[in-house]
Amino acid sequence: MEYLGRVPDDEWPVLLREHLDRADTFRLHTPDGEGPLSAGRTEFQALPRVEVRPWTGMRDAIEIEGPLTPAARELFTAFEFGVLWDYQLVQDGTVVLSVGDFHDLQIEPR
C-alpha cells in the first residue's frame, strides 16, 4: 500500500470514485455507540447483506462489512472526506483504499 496522507479536497472525489469502481466490498469501523467517530454507523448498518461484528482495532468498536452495492457507493460519496473515521474498500480480498483516523489515506496502486 502507498501512503498518501491527507489529499487536497479537489483530488478526493476522483480518487474515491476510482477506488469505489474497483472495489467489491467495504469495511467500516466505528465505535458501537454515539459520538464523533460514529458517523455513518446507522446508515451503513441499514444496508442489506451487511455483517456487523466486534472490531479488534478498538475496544467497544464494530466492523460493518458488506458488498459495495450502488446504495453503499452512494453512501460513501454522500459523506465528505474526513467525516467517516476508519474504513477500507476491498477488491477480491485485497484492500485497495484505506482511510484511518479520518484523513490517513493509503491506496493500492493498480
Protein backbone atom coordinates (compact mmCIF):
# COMPACT_ATOMS: atom_id res chain seq x y z
CA MET A 1 0.00 0.00 0.00
CA GLU A 2 1.14 3.52 -0.77
CA TYR A 3 0.66 6.14 1.94
CA LEU A 4 -0.81 9.42 0.65
CA GLY A 5 -1.87 11.06 3.92
CA ARG A 6 -4.37 13.86 3.51
CA VAL A 7 -5.14 14.68 -0.12
CA PRO A 8 -6.39 18.05 -1.37
CA ASP A 9 -10.18 18.38 -1.34
CA ASP A 10 -10.34 18.77 -5.12
CA GLU A 11 -8.47 15.44 -5.66
CA TRP A 12 -10.52 13.37 -3.22
CA PRO A 13 -13.71 12.82 -5.31
CA VAL A 14 -11.69 11.45 -8.25
CA LEU A 15 -9.63 9.13 -6.01
CA LEU A 16 -12.72 7.90 -4.20
CA ARG A 17 -14.67 7.24 -7.42
CA GLU A 18 -11.75 5.33 -8.94
CA HIS A 19 -11.48 3.05 -5.93
CA LEU A 20 -15.24 2.65 -5.49
CA ASP A 21 -15.31 1.43 -9.10
CA ARG A 22 -12.51 -1.09 -8.39
CA ALA A 23 -13.77 -2.45 -5.08
CA ASP A 24 -16.45 -5.07 -4.44
CA THR A 25 -16.64 -4.91 -0.62
CA PHE A 26 -16.38 -2.31 2.14
CA ARG A 27 -15.40 -2.41 5.80
CA LEU A 28 -16.38 0.48 8.07
CA HIS A 29 -15.03 0.67 11.63
CA THR A 30 -16.81 2.71 14.26
CA PRO A 31 -17.48 2.74 18.00
CA ASP A 32 -20.57 0.78 18.95
CA GLY A 33 -22.39 3.87 20.17
CA GLU A 34 -22.93 7.55 19.51
CA GLY A 35 -20.10 10.05 19.21
CA PRO A 36 -17.85 11.91 16.78
CA LEU A 37 -16.24 8.69 15.48
CA SER A 38 -19.61 7.07 14.74
CA ALA A 39 -20.57 8.94 11.57
CA GLY A 40 -22.17 6.57 9.08
CA ARG A 41 -22.74 3.73 11.58
CA THR A 42 -26.53 3.83 11.41
CA GLU A 43 -26.68 4.34 7.63
CA PHE A 44 -24.22 1.55 6.77
CA GLN A 45 -25.81 -0.89 9.25
CA ALA A 46 -29.14 -0.35 7.48
CA LEU A 47 -27.77 -1.60 4.14
CA PRO A 48 -28.88 -5.08 3.07
CA ARG A 49 -26.48 -8.04 3.38
CA VAL A 50 -24.03 -6.36 5.78
CA GLU A 51 -22.34 -8.21 8.62
CA VAL A 52 -21.70 -6.47 11.91
CA ARG A 53 -19.11 -7.90 14.29
CA PRO A 54 -16.78 -6.70 17.03
CA TRP A 55 -13.68 -4.96 15.68
CA THR A 56 -10.39 -5.83 17.33
CA GLY A 57 -8.83 -2.48 16.36
CA MET A 58 -10.53 -0.65 19.23
CA ARG A 59 -12.37 -1.54 22.41
CA ASP A 60 -16.19 -1.37 22.12
CA ALA A 61 -16.00 -0.88 18.36
CA ILE A 62 -17.62 -2.71 15.45
CA GLU A 63 -16.79 -3.57 11.88
CA ILE A 64 -19.56 -3.28 9.32
CA GLU A 65 -18.72 -5.28 6.21
CA GLY A 66 -20.79 -5.73 3.11
CA PRO A 67 -20.95 -5.73 -0.66
CA LEU A 68 -20.26 -2.46 -2.41
CA THR A 69 -23.74 -2.14 -3.88
CA PRO A 70 -24.97 1.04 -5.60
CA ALA A 71 -26.55 2.08 -2.28
CA ALA A 72 -23.25 1.59 -0.43
CA ARG A 73 -21.35 3.53 -3.10
CA GLU A 74 -23.88 6.33 -2.79
CA LEU A 75 -23.33 6.48 0.98
CA PHE A 76 -19.56 6.74 0.57
CA THR A 77 -19.93 9.63 -1.88
CA ALA A 78 -22.51 11.34 0.35
CA PHE A 79 -20.06 11.62 3.27
CA GLU A 80 -17.34 14.22 2.73
CA PHE A 81 -13.70 13.22 3.16
CA GLY A 82 -12.81 13.42 6.84
CA VAL A 83 -16.29 12.57 8.15
CA LEU A 84 -16.04 8.76 8.19
CA TRP A 85 -13.43 7.76 10.77
CA ASP A 86 -11.98 4.46 9.55
CA TYR A 87 -12.83 2.33 6.51
CA GLN A 88 -11.49 0.14 3.73
CA LEU A 89 -12.54 -0.59 0.17
CA VAL A 90 -11.66 -4.15 -0.85
CA GLN A 91 -11.29 -5.85 -4.24
CA ASP A 92 -11.13 -9.64 -4.31
CA GLY A 93 -9.89 -9.74 -0.71
CA THR A 94 -7.21 -7.04 -1.20
CA VAL A 95 -7.60 -3.63 0.42
CA VAL A 96 -7.36 -1.07 -2.40
CA LEU A 97 -8.15 2.04 -0.34
CA SER A 98 -7.83 2.55 3.39
CA VAL A 99 -8.71 5.63 5.42
CA GLY A 100 -7.77 5.75 9.10
CA ASP A 101 -8.18 8.49 11.66
CA PHE A 102 -10.37 10.49 9.23
CA HIS A 103 -7.56 11.54 6.82
CA ASP A 104 -4.74 8.97 6.75
CA LEU A 105 -5.18 7.66 3.23
CA GLN A 106 -3.44 4.62 1.75
CA ILE A 107 -4.09 3.12 -1.69
CA GLU A 108 -3.08 0.00 -3.54
CA PRO A 109 -1.71 1.13 -6.91
CA ARG A 110 -3.05 -0.68 -9.96
